[in-house]
């Protein structure tokens, strides 16, 4: 049988559109989880960008909020958080591709970069 790993899950009251604040909370919670032995932490959908406020944004505002994956700044911050805490971090954000198509995405990142990406394509 394989080695067991400790997995943490977390949900917090994120701030709509405030990626800096949300990433700060993700960092703090991740640090706490890692100090308790977790090797993976999973946050909620759109934990980085916020979610419900987006329905009131224009397409241009959504494009500005969304990021390319894995090149976007939030992935770099998640990678740094993962490296500093020896943990894989899973979190959600809005993604834009090269043609500015928009997606709700969920990513997994470790110290080496992007592990996985899922685009929500159903309602």
PDB file of N, CA and C in Angstrom:
ATOM      1  N   UNK A   1       0.839  -1.181   0.000  1.00  0.00           N
ATOM      2  CA  UNK A   1       0.000   0.000   0.000  1.00  0.00           C
ATOM      3  C   UNK A   1       0.886   1.247   0.000  1.00  0.00           C
ATOM      4  N   UNK A   2       0.422   2.292  -0.676  1.00  0.00           N
ATOM      5  CA  UNK A   2       1.192   3.525  -0.784  1.00  0.00           C
ATOM      6  C   UNK A   2       1.228   4.323   0.503  1.00  0.00           C
ATOM      7  N   UNK A   3       2.059   5.324   0.476  1.00  0.00           N
ATOM      8  CA  UNK A   3       2.212   6.223   1.621  1.00  0.00           C
ATOM      9  C   UNK A   3       0.979   7.118   1.772  1.00  0.00           C
ATOM     10  N   UNK A   4       0.541   7.307   2.985  1.00  0.00           N
ATOM     11  CA  UNK A   4      -0.564   8.228   3.261  1.00  0.00           C
ATOM     12  C   UNK A   4      -0.051   9.659   3.271  1.00  0.00           C
ATOM     13  N   UNK A   5      -0.877  10.576   2.783  1.00  0.00           N
ATOM     14  CA  UNK A   5      -0.537  11.992   2.879  1.00  0.00           C
ATOM     15  C   UNK A   5      -1.700  12.726   3.551  1.00  0.00           C
ATOM     16  N   UNK A   6      -1.359  13.769   4.255  1.00  0.00           N
ATOM     17  CA  UNK A   6      -2.378  14.589   4.906  1.00  0.00           C
ATOM     18  C   UNK A   6      -2.830  15.672   3.926  1.00  0.00           C
ATOM     19  N   UNK A   7      -4.149  15.756   3.742  1.00  0.00           N
ATOM     20  CA  UNK A   7      -4.754  16.729   2.837  1.00  0.00           C
ATOM     21  C   UNK A   7      -5.611  17.687   3.655  1.00  0.00           C
ATOM     22  N   UNK A   8      -5.495  18.969   3.374  1.00  0.00           N
ATOM     23  CA  UNK A   8      -6.308  19.989   4.042  1.00  0.00           C
ATOM     24  C   UNK A   8      -7.257  20.615   3.025  1.00  0.00           C
ATOM     25  N   UNK A   9      -8.414  21.018   3.494  1.00  0.00           N
ATOM     26  CA  UNK A   9      -9.334  21.796   2.670  1.00  0.00           C
ATOM     27  C   UNK A   9      -9.664  23.079   3.416  1.00  0.00           C
ATOM     28  N   UNK A  10      -9.936  24.123   2.675  1.00  0.00           N
ATOM     29  CA  UNK A  10     -10.225  25.404   3.319  1.00  0.00           C
ATOM     30  C   UNK A  10     -11.164  26.226   2.458  1.00  0.00           C
ATOM     31  N   UNK A  11     -12.032  26.945   3.121  1.00  0.00           N
ATOM     32  CA  UNK A  11     -12.898  27.914   2.466  1.00  0.00           C
ATOM     33  C   UNK A  11     -12.885  29.168   3.323  1.00  0.00           C
ATOM     34  N   UNK A  12     -12.826  30.310   2.679  1.00  0.00           N
ATOM     35  CA  UNK A  12     -12.781  31.566   3.421  1.00  0.00           C
ATOM     36  C   UNK A  12     -13.632  32.606   2.709  1.00  0.00           C
ATOM     37  N   UNK A  13     -13.912  33.680   3.383  1.00  0.00           N
ATOM     38  CA  UNK A  13     -14.692  34.788   2.818  1.00  0.00           C
ATOM     39  C   UNK A  13     -13.754  35.633   1.961  1.00  0.00           C
ATOM     40  N   UNK A  14     -13.720  35.322   0.653  1.00  0.00           N
ATOM     41  CA  UNK A  14     -12.814  36.087  -0.198  1.00  0.00           C
ATOM     42  C   UNK A  14     -13.412  37.444  -0.543  1.00  0.00           C
ATOM     43  N   UNK A  15     -12.539  38.317  -1.022  1.00  0.00           N
ATOM     44  CA  UNK A  15     -12.964  39.648  -1.456  1.00  0.00           C
ATOM     45  C   UNK A  15     -13.078  39.643  -2.976  1.00  0.00           C
ATOM     46  N   UNK A  16     -14.208  40.026  -3.463  1.00  0.00           N
ATOM     47  CA  UNK A  16     -14.471  40.034  -4.898  1.00  0.00           C
ATOM     48  C   UNK A  16     -13.464  40.897  -5.644  1.00  0.00           C
ATOM     49  N   UNK A  17     -12.758  40.273  -6.584  1.00  0.00           N
ATOM     50  CA  UNK A  17     -11.821  40.996  -7.429  1.00  0.00           C
ATOM     51  C   UNK A  17     -10.519  41.403  -6.783  1.00  0.00           C
ATOM     52  N   UNK A  18     -10.316  41.075  -5.508  1.00  0.00           N
ATOM     53  CA  UNK A  18      -9.106  41.487  -4.780  1.00  0.00           C
ATOM     54  C   UNK A  18      -8.140  40.305  -4.673  1.00  0.00           C
ATOM     55  N   UNK A  19      -7.445  40.045  -5.769  1.00  0.00           N
ATOM     56  CA  UNK A  19      -6.550  38.886  -5.813  1.00  0.00           C
ATOM     57  C   UNK A  19      -5.431  38.983  -4.784  1.00  0.00           C
ATOM     58  N   UNK A  20      -4.908  40.174  -4.564  1.00  0.00           N
ATOM     59  CA  UNK A  20      -3.818  40.334  -3.598  1.00  0.00           C
ATOM     60  C   UNK A  20      -4.271  39.913  -2.196  1.00  0.00           C
ATOM     61  N   UNK A  21      -5.423  40.395  -1.780  1.00  0.00           N
ATOM     62  CA  UNK A  21      -5.955  40.013  -0.462  1.00  0.00           C
ATOM     63  C   UNK A  21      -6.213  38.507  -0.399  1.00  0.00           C
ATOM     64  N   UNK A  22      -6.890  37.985  -1.406  1.00  0.00           N
ATOM     65  CA  UNK A  22      -7.243  36.564  -1.404  1.00  0.00           C
ATOM     66  C   UNK A  22      -6.005  35.672  -1.396  1.00  0.00           C
ATOM     67  N   UNK A  23      -4.997  36.040  -2.163  1.00  0.00           N
ATOM     68  CA  UNK A  23      -3.753  35.263  -2.154  1.00  0.00           C
ATOM     69  C   UNK A  23      -3.053  35.362  -0.802  1.00  0.00           C
ATOM     70  N   UNK A  24      -3.174  36.492  -0.131  1.00  0.00           N
ATOM     71  CA  UNK A  24      -2.620  36.624   1.217  1.00  0.00           C
ATOM     72  C   UNK A  24      -3.294  35.688   2.200  1.00  0.00           C
ATOM     73  N   UNK A  25      -4.613  35.570   2.101  1.00  0.00           N
ATOM     74  CA  UNK A  25      -5.344  34.633   2.960  1.00  0.00           C
ATOM     75  C   UNK A  25      -4.954  33.200   2.616  1.00  0.00           C
ATOM     76  N   UNK A  26      -4.857  32.900   1.328  1.00  0.00           N
ATOM     77  CA  UNK A  26      -4.432  31.563   0.900  1.00  0.00           C
ATOM     78  C   UNK A  26      -3.055  31.248   1.470  1.00  0.00           C
ATOM     79  N   UNK A  27      -2.153  32.219   1.429  1.00  0.00           N
ATOM     80  CA  UNK A  27      -0.812  32.012   1.979  1.00  0.00           C
ATOM     81  C   UNK A  27      -0.872  31.709   3.475  1.00  0.00           C
ATOM     82  N   UNK A  28      -1.629  32.474   4.213  1.00  0.00           N
ATOM     83  CA  UNK A  28      -1.722  32.291   5.663  1.00  0.00           C
ATOM     84  C   UNK A  28      -2.315  30.930   6.027  1.00  0.00           C
ATOM     85  N   UNK A  29      -3.405  30.562   5.374  1.00  0.00           N
ATOM     86  CA  UNK A  29      -4.046  29.274   5.659  1.00  0.00           C
ATOM     87  C   UNK A  29      -3.138  28.124   5.240  1.00  0.00           C
ATOM     88  N   UNK A  30      -2.467  28.276   4.104  1.00  0.00           N
ATOM     89  CA  UNK A  30      -1.553  27.232   3.631  1.00  0.00           C
ATOM     90  C   UNK A  30      -0.414  27.026   4.614  1.00  0.00           C
ATOM     91  N   UNK A  31       0.144  28.111   5.109  1.00  0.00           N
ATOM     92  CA  UNK A  31       1.234  28.022   6.089  1.00  0.00           C
ATOM     93  C   UNK A  31       0.768  27.252   7.324  1.00  0.00           C
ATOM     94  N   UNK A  32      -0.425  27.541   7.795  1.00  0.00           N
ATOM     95  CA  UNK A  32      -0.974  26.846   8.959  1.00  0.00           C
ATOM     96  C   UNK A  32      -1.170  25.359   8.673  1.00  0.00           C
ATOM     97  N   UNK A  33      -1.725  25.049   7.514  1.00  0.00           N
ATOM     98  CA  UNK A  33      -1.951  23.644   7.154  1.00  0.00           C
ATOM     99  C   UNK A  33      -0.634  22.885   7.047  1.00  0.00           C
ATOM    100  N   UNK A  34       0.357  23.504   6.415  1.00  0.00           N
ATOM    101  CA  UNK A  34       1.663  22.854   6.269  1.00  0.00           C
ATOM    102  C   UNK A  34       2.320  22.626   7.623  1.00  0.00           C
ATOM    103  N   UNK A  35       2.159  23.571   8.540  1.00  0.00           N
ATOM    104  CA  UNK A  35       2.759  23.416   9.870  1.00  0.00           C
ATOM    105  C   UNK A  35       2.120  22.269  10.649  1.00  0.00           C
ATOM    106  N   UNK A  36       0.937  21.854  10.200  1.00  0.00           N
ATOM    107  CA  UNK A  36       0.249  20.726  10.827  1.00  0.00           C
ATOM    108  C   UNK A  36       0.429  19.432  10.028  1.00  0.00           C
ATOM    109  N   UNK A  37       1.341  19.458   9.065  1.00  0.00           N
ATOM    110  CA  UNK A  37       1.707  18.253   8.342  1.00  0.00           C
ATOM    111  C   UNK A  37       1.010  18.013   7.021  1.00  0.00           C
ATOM    112  N   UNK A  38       0.166  18.929   6.573  1.00  0.00           N
ATOM    113  CA  UNK A  38      -0.512  18.741   5.287  1.00  0.00           C
ATOM    114  C   UNK A  38       0.490  18.861   4.140  1.00  0.00           C
ATOM    115  N   UNK A  39       0.319  18.021   3.132  1.00  0.00           N
ATOM    116  CA  UNK A  39       1.149  18.062   1.929  1.00  0.00           C
ATOM    117  C   UNK A  39       0.375  18.564   0.717  1.00  0.00           C
ATOM    118  N   UNK A  40      -0.932  18.749   0.890  1.00  0.00           N
ATOM    119  CA  UNK A  40      -1.789  19.275  -0.161  1.00  0.00           C
ATOM    120  C   UNK A  40      -2.912  20.050   0.511  1.00  0.00           C
ATOM    121  N   UNK A  41      -3.243  21.209  -0.045  1.00  0.00           N
ATOM    122  CA  UNK A  41      -4.386  21.979   0.443  1.00  0.00           C
ATOM    123  C   UNK A  41      -5.234  22.395  -0.751  1.00  0.00           C
ATOM    124  N   UNK A  42      -6.541  22.242  -0.601  1.00  0.00           N
ATOM    125  CA  UNK A  42      -7.488  22.590  -1.661  1.00  0.00           C
ATOM    126  C   UNK A  42      -8.423  23.691  -1.174  1.00  0.00           C
ATOM    127  N   UNK A  43      -8.471  24.774  -1.937  1.00  0.00           N
ATOM    128  CA  UNK A  43      -9.365  25.892  -1.655  1.00  0.00           C
ATOM    129  C   UNK A  43     -10.582  25.812  -2.574  1.00  0.00           C
ATOM    130  N   UNK A  44     -11.548  26.674  -2.349  1.00  0.00           N
ATOM    131  CA  UNK A  44     -12.818  26.649  -3.066  1.00  0.00           C
ATOM    132  C   UNK A  44     -12.718  27.273  -4.461  1.00  0.00           C
ATOM    133  N   UNK A  45     -13.797  27.079  -5.219  1.00  0.00           N
ATOM    134  CA  UNK A  45     -13.925  27.614  -6.568  1.00  0.00           C
ATOM    135  C   UNK A  45     -13.737  29.133  -6.560  1.00  0.00           C
ATOM    136  N   UNK A  46     -12.937  29.620  -7.485  1.00  0.00           N
ATOM    137  CA  UNK A  46     -12.664  31.060  -7.638  1.00  0.00           C
ATOM    138  C   UNK A  46     -12.181  31.706  -6.347  1.00  0.00           C
ATOM    139  N   UNK A  47     -11.434  30.964  -5.570  1.00  0.00           N
ATOM    140  CA  UNK A  47     -10.907  31.484  -4.304  1.00  0.00           C
ATOM    141  C   UNK A  47      -9.935  32.641  -4.518  1.00  0.00           C
ATOM    142  N   UNK A  48      -9.280  32.684  -5.653  1.00  0.00           N
ATOM    143  CA  UNK A  48      -8.312  33.752  -5.931  1.00  0.00           C
ATOM    144  C   UNK A  48      -9.007  35.030  -6.403  1.00  0.00           C
ATOM    145  N   UNK A  49      -9.976  34.889  -7.288  1.00  0.00           N
ATOM    146  CA  UNK A  49     -10.598  36.062  -7.908  1.00  0.00           C
ATOM    147  C   UNK A  49     -11.916  36.483  -7.277  1.00  0.00           C
ATOM    148  N   UNK A  50     -12.548  35.597  -6.549  1.00  0.00           N
ATOM    149  CA  UNK A  50     -13.931  35.823  -6.150  1.00  0.00           C
ATOM    150  C   UNK A  50     -14.833  35.303  -7.251  1.00  0.00           C
ATOM    151  N   UNK A  51     -16.144  35.288  -7.001  1.00  0.00           N
ATOM    152  CA  UNK A  51     -17.016  34.595  -7.937  1.00  0.00           C
ATOM    153  C   UNK A  51     -18.322  35.333  -8.232  1.00  0.00           C
ATOM    154  N   UNK A  52     -19.144  35.521  -7.228  1.00  0.00           N
ATOM    155  CA  UNK A  52     -20.509  35.992  -7.476  1.00  0.00           C
ATOM    156  C   UNK A  52     -20.574  37.394  -8.068  1.00  0.00           C
ATOM    157  N   UNK A  53     -19.616  38.239  -7.766  1.00  0.00           N
ATOM    158  CA  UNK A  53     -19.618  39.608  -8.288  1.00  0.00           C
ATOM    159  C   UNK A  53     -19.416  39.649  -9.793  1.00  0.00           C
ATOM    160  N   UNK A  54     -18.837  38.610 -10.359  1.00  0.00           N
ATOM    161  CA  UNK A  54     -18.433  38.613 -11.761  1.00  0.00           C
ATOM    162  C   UNK A  54     -19.616  38.753 -12.715  1.00  0.00           C
ATOM    163  N   UNK A  55     -20.786  38.300 -12.298  1.00  0.00           N
ATOM    164  CA  UNK A  55     -21.949  38.393 -13.200  1.00  0.00           C
ATOM    165  C   UNK A  55     -22.305  39.848 -13.517  1.00  0.00           C
ATOM    166  N   UNK A  56     -21.806  40.792 -12.729  1.00  0.00           N
ATOM    167  CA  UNK A  56     -22.095  42.212 -12.941  1.00  0.00           C
ATOM    168  C   UNK A  56     -20.982  42.930 -13.718  1.00  0.00           C
ATOM    169  N   UNK A  57     -19.944  42.204 -14.077  1.00  0.00           N
ATOM    170  CA  UNK A  57     -18.823  42.810 -14.800  1.00  0.00           C
ATOM    171  C   UNK A  57     -19.064  42.779 -16.302  1.00  0.00           C
ATOM    172  N   UNK A  58     -18.504  43.750 -16.995  1.00  0.00           N
ATOM    173  CA  UNK A  58     -18.527  43.719 -18.457  1.00  0.00           C
ATOM    174  C   UNK A  58     -17.512  42.685 -18.934  1.00  0.00           C
ATOM    175  N   UNK A  59     -17.603  42.336 -20.195  1.00  0.00           N
ATOM    176  CA  UNK A  59     -16.631  41.386 -20.754  1.00  0.00           C
ATOM    177  C   UNK A  59     -15.214  41.940 -20.621  1.00  0.00           C
ATOM    178  N   UNK A  60     -15.040  43.224 -20.873  1.00  0.00           N
ATOM    179  CA  UNK A  60     -13.715  43.834 -20.772  1.00  0.00           C
ATOM    180  C   UNK A  60     -13.181  43.754 -19.344  1.00  0.00           C
ATOM    181  N   UNK A  61     -14.045  43.983 -18.368  1.00  0.00           N
ATOM    182  CA  UNK A  61     -13.625  43.876 -16.968  1.00  0.00           C
ATOM    183  C   UNK A  61     -13.249  42.438 -16.619  1.00  0.00           C
ATOM    184  N   UNK A  62     -13.985  41.479 -17.169  1.00  0.00           N
ATOM    185  CA  UNK A  62     -13.653  40.067 -16.922  1.00  0.00           C
ATOM    186  C   UNK A  62     -12.303  39.702 -17.550  1.00  0.00           C
ATOM    187  N   UNK A  63     -12.064  40.194 -18.746  1.00  0.00           N
ATOM    188  CA  UNK A  63     -10.779  39.929 -19.406  1.00  0.00           C
ATOM    189  C   UNK A  63      -9.643  40.521 -18.584  1.00  0.00           C
ATOM    190  N   UNK A  64      -9.853  41.702 -18.023  1.00  0.00           N
ATOM    191  CA  UNK A  64      -8.826  42.323 -17.176  1.00  0.00           C
ATOM    192  C   UNK A  64      -8.581  41.522 -15.901  1.00  0.00           C
ATOM    193  N   UNK A  65      -9.628  40.949 -15.326  1.00  0.00           N
ATOM    194  CA  UNK A  65      -9.512  40.174 -14.092  1.00  0.00           C
ATOM    195  C   UNK A  65      -8.880  38.804 -14.327  1.00  0.00           C
ATOM    196  N   UNK A  66      -9.227  38.182 -15.443  1.00  0.00           N
ATOM    197  CA  UNK A  66      -8.757  36.827 -15.744  1.00  0.00           C
ATOM    198  C   UNK A  66      -7.262  36.834 -16.065  1.00  0.00           C
ATOM    199  N   UNK A  67      -6.658  35.650 -15.938  1.00  0.00           N
ATOM    200  CA  UNK A  67      -5.220  35.509 -16.186  1.00  0.00           C
ATOM    201  C   UNK A  67      -4.950  34.326 -17.102  1.00  0.00           C
ATOM    202  N   UNK A  68      -3.861  34.402 -17.858  1.00  0.00           N
ATOM    203  CA  UNK A  68      -3.439  33.208 -18.587  1.00  0.00           C
ATOM    204  C   UNK A  68      -2.855  32.201 -17.595  1.00  0.00           C
ATOM    205  N   UNK A  69      -3.049  30.938 -17.886  1.00  0.00           N
ATOM    206  CA  UNK A  69      -2.499  29.877 -17.032  1.00  0.00           C
ATOM    207  C   UNK A  69      -1.601  29.017 -17.906  1.00  0.00           C
ATOM    208  N   UNK A  70      -0.354  28.806 -17.546  1.00  0.00           N
ATOM    209  CA  UNK A  70       0.268  29.029 -16.244  1.00  0.00           C
ATOM    210  C   UNK A  70       1.065  30.326 -16.131  1.00  0.00           C
ATOM    211  N   UNK A  71       0.996  31.203 -17.127  1.00  0.00           N
ATOM    212  CA  UNK A  71       1.868  32.379 -17.154  1.00  0.00           C
ATOM    213  C   UNK A  71       1.427  33.512 -16.239  1.00  0.00           C
ATOM    214  N   UNK A  72       0.231  33.468 -15.718  1.00  0.00           N
ATOM    215  CA  UNK A  72      -0.306  34.581 -14.943  1.00  0.00           C
ATOM    216  C   UNK A  72       0.357  34.774 -13.590  1.00  0.00           C
ATOM    217  N   UNK A  73       0.224  35.969 -13.040  1.00  0.00           N
ATOM    218  CA  UNK A  73       0.878  36.277 -11.768  1.00  0.00           C
ATOM    219  C   UNK A  73       0.367  35.462 -10.582  1.00  0.00           C
ATOM    220  N   UNK A  74      -0.897  35.081 -10.581  1.00  0.00           N
ATOM    221  CA  UNK A  74      -1.408  34.304  -9.441  1.00  0.00           C
ATOM    222  C   UNK A  74      -0.771  32.925  -9.366  1.00  0.00           C
ATOM    223  N   UNK A  75      -0.493  32.331 -10.513  1.00  0.00           N
ATOM    224  CA  UNK A  75       0.161  31.017 -10.512  1.00  0.00           C
ATOM    225  C   UNK A  75       1.564  31.153  -9.936  1.00  0.00           C
ATOM    226  N   UNK A  76       2.259  32.232 -10.282  1.00  0.00           N
ATOM    227  CA  UNK A  76       3.598  32.469  -9.726  1.00  0.00           C
ATOM    228  C   UNK A  76       3.539  32.614  -8.212  1.00  0.00           C
ATOM    229  N   UNK A  77       2.532  33.323  -7.707  1.00  0.00           N
ATOM    230  CA  UNK A  77       2.387  33.479  -6.253  1.00  0.00           C
ATOM    231  C   UNK A  77       2.077  32.134  -5.610  1.00  0.00           C
ATOM    232  N   UNK A  78       1.166  31.360  -6.198  1.00  0.00           N
ATOM    233  CA  UNK A  78       0.858  30.031  -5.652  1.00  0.00           C
ATOM    234  C   UNK A  78       2.097  29.144  -5.634  1.00  0.00           C
ATOM    235  N   UNK A  79       2.907  29.215  -6.688  1.00  0.00           N
ATOM    236  CA  UNK A  79       4.135  28.422  -6.744  1.00  0.00           C
ATOM    237  C   UNK A  79       5.082  28.819  -5.618  1.00  0.00           C
ATOM    238  N   UNK A  80       5.201  30.104  -5.358  1.00  0.00           N
ATOM    239  CA  UNK A  80       6.058  30.576  -4.267  1.00  0.00           C
ATOM    240  C   UNK A  80       5.519  30.094  -2.918  1.00  0.00           C
ATOM    241  N   UNK A  81       4.207  30.193  -2.708  1.00  0.00           N
ATOM    242  CA  UNK A  81       3.590  29.717  -1.467  1.00  0.00           C
ATOM    243  C   UNK A  81       3.850  28.227  -1.298  1.00  0.00           C
ATOM    244  N   UNK A  82       3.677  27.472  -2.376  1.00  0.00           N
ATOM    245  CA  UNK A  82       3.902  26.027  -2.331  1.00  0.00           C
ATOM    246  C   UNK A  82       5.354  25.709  -1.989  1.00  0.00           C
ATOM    247  N   UNK A  83       6.285  26.413  -2.618  1.00  0.00           N
ATOM    248  CA  UNK A  83       7.707  26.161  -2.378  1.00  0.00           C
ATOM    249  C   UNK A  83       8.106  26.498  -0.945  1.00  0.00           C
ATOM    250  N   UNK A  84       7.617  27.619  -0.443  1.00  0.00           N
ATOM    251  CA  UNK A  84       7.986  28.045   0.915  1.00  0.00           C
ATOM    252  C   UNK A  84       7.423  27.128   1.996  1.00  0.00           C
ATOM    253  N   UNK A  85       6.356  26.400   1.663  1.00  0.00           N
ATOM    254  CA  UNK A  85       5.685  25.573   2.665  1.00  0.00           C
ATOM    255  C   UNK A  85       5.723  24.080   2.366  1.00  0.00           C
ATOM    256  N   UNK A  86       6.426  23.682   1.304  1.00  0.00           N
ATOM    257  CA  UNK A  86       6.545  22.272   0.919  1.00  0.00           C
ATOM    258  C   UNK A  86       5.173  21.602   0.858  1.00  0.00           C
ATOM    259  N   UNK A  87       4.291  22.176   0.043  1.00  0.00           N
ATOM    260  CA  UNK A  87       2.911  21.718  -0.050  1.00  0.00           C
ATOM    261  C   UNK A  87       2.389  22.008  -1.459  1.00  0.00           C
ATOM    262  N   UNK A  88       1.469  21.200  -1.934  1.00  0.00           N
ATOM    263  CA  UNK A  88       0.771  21.484  -3.188  1.00  0.00           C
ATOM    264  C   UNK A  88      -0.476  22.295  -2.858  1.00  0.00           C
ATOM    265  N   UNK A  89      -0.734  23.323  -3.658  1.00  0.00           N
ATOM    266  CA  UNK A  89      -1.858  24.229  -3.415  1.00  0.00           C
ATOM    267  C   UNK A  89      -2.811  24.160  -4.609  1.00  0.00           C
ATOM    268  N   UNK A  90      -4.092  23.933  -4.317  1.00  0.00           N
ATOM    269  CA  UNK A  90      -5.133  23.892  -5.340  1.00  0.00           C
ATOM    270  C   UNK A  90      -6.108  25.034  -5.076  1.00  0.00           C
ATOM    271  N   UNK A  91      -6.396  25.823  -6.116  1.00  0.00           N
ATOM    272  CA  UNK A  91      -7.256  26.996  -5.944  1.00  0.00           C
ATOM    273  C   UNK A  91      -7.900  27.354  -7.281  1.00  0.00           C
ATOM    274  N   UNK A  92      -8.923  28.199  -7.222  1.00  0.00           N
ATOM    275  CA  UNK A  92      -9.661  28.556  -8.423  1.00  0.00           C
ATOM    276  C   UNK A  92      -9.545  30.022  -8.785  1.00  0.00           C
ATOM    277  N   UNK A  93      -9.661  30.297 -10.087  1.00  0.00           N
ATOM    278  CA  UNK A  93      -9.593  31.660 -10.601  1.00  0.00           C
ATOM    279  C   UNK A  93     -10.203  31.716 -11.989  1.00  0.00           C
ATOM    280  N   UNK A  94     -10.407  32.914 -12.498  1.00  0.00           N
ATOM    281  CA  UNK A  94     -10.849  33.081 -13.872  1.00  0.00           C
ATOM    282  C   UNK A  94      -9.628  33.066 -14.781  1.00  0.00           C
ATOM    283  N   UNK A  95      -9.748  32.321 -15.874  1.00  0.00           N
ATOM    284  CA  UNK A  95      -8.655  32.181 -16.839  1.00  0.00           C
ATOM    285  C   UNK A  95      -9.062  32.815 -18.161  1.00  0.00           C
ATOM    286  N   UNK A  96      -8.066  33.383 -18.857  1.00  0.00           N
ATOM    287  CA  UNK A  96      -8.271  33.806 -20.247  1.00  0.00           C
ATOM    288  C   UNK A  96      -7.216  33.127 -21.103  1.00  0.00           C
ATOM    289  N   UNK A  97      -7.617  32.716 -22.305  1.00  0.00           N
ATOM    290  CA  UNK A  97      -6.653  32.122 -23.219  1.00  0.00           C
ATOM    291  C   UNK A  97      -6.123  33.197 -24.169  1.00  0.00           C
ATOM    292  N   UNK A  98      -5.347  32.784 -25.159  1.00  0.00           N
ATOM    293  CA  UNK A  98      -4.703  33.731 -26.077  1.00  0.00           C
ATOM    294  C   UNK A  98      -5.712  34.554 -26.879  1.00  0.00           C
ATOM    295  N   UNK A  99      -6.926  34.009 -27.064  1.00  0.00           N
ATOM    296  CA  UNK A  99      -7.969  34.727 -27.804  1.00  0.00           C
ATOM    297  C   UNK A  99      -8.951  35.441 -26.872  1.00  0.00           C
ATOM    298  N   UNK A 100      -8.596  35.539 -25.591  1.00  0.00           N
ATOM    299  CA  UNK A 100      -9.444  36.159 -24.560  1.00  0.00           C
ATOM    300  C   UNK A 100     -10.763  35.433 -24.333  1.00  0.00           C
ATOM    301  N   UNK A 101     -10.787  34.120 -24.626  1.00  0.00           N
ATOM    302  CA  UNK A 101     -11.912  33.299 -24.182  1.00  0.00           C
ATOM    303  C   UNK A 101     -11.776  33.146 -22.678  1.00  0.00           C
ATOM    304  N   UNK A 102     -12.900  33.137 -21.976  1.00  0.00           N
ATOM    305  CA  UNK A 102     -12.887  33.120 -20.513  1.00  0.00           C
ATOM    306  C   UNK A 102     -13.363  31.780 -19.972  1.00  0.00           C
ATOM    307  N   UNK A 103     -12.735  31.360 -18.858  1.00  0.00           N
ATOM    308  CA  UNK A 103     -13.070  30.095 -18.205  1.00  0.00           C
ATOM    309  C   UNK A 103     -12.993  30.266 -16.697  1.00  0.00           C
ATOM    310  N   UNK A 104     -13.810  29.487 -15.994  1.00  0.00           N
ATOM    311  CA  UNK A 104     -13.589  29.294 -14.566  1.00  0.00           C
ATOM    312  C   UNK A 104     -12.617  28.129 -14.491  1.00  0.00           C
ATOM    313  N   UNK A 105     -11.467  28.356 -13.908  1.00  0.00           N
ATOM    314  CA  UNK A 105     -10.430  27.327 -13.871  1.00  0.00           C
ATOM    315  C   UNK A 105     -10.084  26.969 -12.431  1.00  0.00           C
ATOM    316  N   UNK A 106      -9.585  25.752 -12.274  1.00  0.00           N
ATOM    317  CA  UNK A 106      -9.104  25.277 -10.983  1.00  0.00           C
ATOM    318  C   UNK A 106      -7.723  24.702 -11.241  1.00  0.00           C
ATOM    319  N   UNK A 107      -6.744  25.127 -10.454  1.00  0.00           N
ATOM    320  CA  UNK A 107      -5.361  24.731 -10.699  1.00  0.00           C
ATOM    321  C   UNK A 107      -4.749  24.064  -9.474  1.00  0.00           C
ATOM    322  N   UNK A 108      -3.779  23.219  -9.743  1.00  0.00           N
ATOM    323  CA  UNK A 108      -2.934  22.654  -8.706  1.00  0.00           C
ATOM    324  C   UNK A 108      -1.506  23.056  -9.001  1.00  0.00           C
ATOM    325  N   UNK A 109      -0.817  23.571  -7.988  1.00  0.00           N
ATOM    326  CA  UNK A 109       0.534  24.098  -8.159  1.00  0.00           C
ATOM    327  C   UNK A 109       1.410  23.582  -7.029  1.00  0.00           C
ATOM    328  N   UNK A 110       2.653  23.216  -7.377  1.00  0.00           N
ATOM    329  CA  UNK A 110       3.628  22.907  -6.332  1.00  0.00           C
ATOM    330  C   UNK A 110       4.861  23.767  -6.549  1.00  0.00           C
ATOM    331  N   UNK A 111       5.939  23.443  -5.872  1.00  0.00           N
ATOM    332  CA  UNK A 111       7.158  24.250  -5.951  1.00  0.00           C
ATOM    333  C   UNK A 111       7.731  24.322  -7.366  1.00  0.00           C
ATOM    334  N   UNK A 112       7.389  23.354  -8.213  1.00  0.00           N
ATOM    335  CA  UNK A 112       7.947  23.289  -9.562  1.00  0.00           C
ATOM    336  C   UNK A 112       7.037  23.914 -10.616  1.00  0.00           C
ATOM    337  N   UNK A 113       5.822  24.287 -10.217  1.00  0.00           N
ATOM    338  CA  UNK A 113       4.906  24.904 -11.171  1.00  0.00           C
ATOM    339  C   UNK A 113       3.559  24.214 -11.226  1.00  0.00           C
ATOM    340  N   UNK A 114       2.906  24.356 -12.366  1.00  0.00           N
ATOM    341  CA  UNK A 114       1.553  23.850 -12.552  1.00  0.00           C
ATOM    342  C   UNK A 114       1.534  22.326 -12.587  1.00  0.00           C
ATOM    343  N   UNK A 115       0.710  21.731 -11.728  1.00  0.00           N
ATOM    344  CA  UNK A 115       0.504  20.284 -11.710  1.00  0.00           C
ATOM    345  C   UNK A 115      -0.700  19.888 -12.551  1.00  0.00           C
ATOM    346  N   UNK A 116      -1.763  20.684 -12.455  1.00  0.00           N
ATOM    347  CA  UNK A 116      -3.013  20.346 -13.128  1.00  0.00           C
ATOM    348  C   UNK A 116      -3.844  21.603 -13.325  1.00  0.00           C
ATOM    349  N   UNK A 117      -4.690  21.557 -14.367  1.00  0.00           N
ATOM    350  CA  UNK A 117      -5.641  22.638 -14.608  1.00  0.00           C
ATOM    351  C   UNK A 117      -6.929  22.013 -15.104  1.00  0.00           C
ATOM    352  N   UNK A 118      -8.041  22.482 -14.543  1.00  0.00           N
ATOM    353  CA  UNK A 118      -9.359  22.039 -14.978  1.00  0.00           C
ATOM    354  C   UNK A 118     -10.169  23.270 -15.346  1.00  0.00           C
ATOM    355  N   UNK A 119     -10.779  23.230 -16.518  1.00  0.00           N
ATOM    356  CA  UNK A 119     -11.675  24.304 -16.938  1.00  0.00           C
ATOM    357  C   UNK A 119     -13.108  23.827 -16.757  1.00  0.00           C
ATOM    358  N   UNK A 120     -13.867  24.572 -15.990  1.00  0.00           N
ATOM    359  CA  UNK A 120     -15.278  24.232 -15.796  1.00  0.00           C
ATOM    360  C   UNK A 120     -16.020  24.622 -17.069  1.00  0.00           C
ATOM    361  N   UNK A 121     -16.563  23.637 -17.762  1.00  0.00           N
ATOM    362  CA  UNK A 121     -17.254  23.917 -19.018  1.00  0.00           C
ATOM    363  C   UNK A 121     -18.736  23.578 -18.939  1.00  0.00           C
ATOM    364  N   UNK A 122     -19.206  23.244 -17.771  1.00  0.00           N
ATOM    365  CA  UNK A 122     -20.635  23.006 -17.555  1.00  0.00           C
ATOM    366  C   UNK A 122     -21.174  24.116 -16.659  1.00  0.00           C
ATOM    367  N   UNK A 123     -22.497  24.296 -16.608  1.00  0.00           N
ATOM    368  CA  UNK A 123     -23.060  25.410 -15.816  1.00  0.00           C
ATOM    369  C   UNK A 123     -22.712  25.372 -14.348  1.00  0.00           C
TER     370      UNK A 123
END
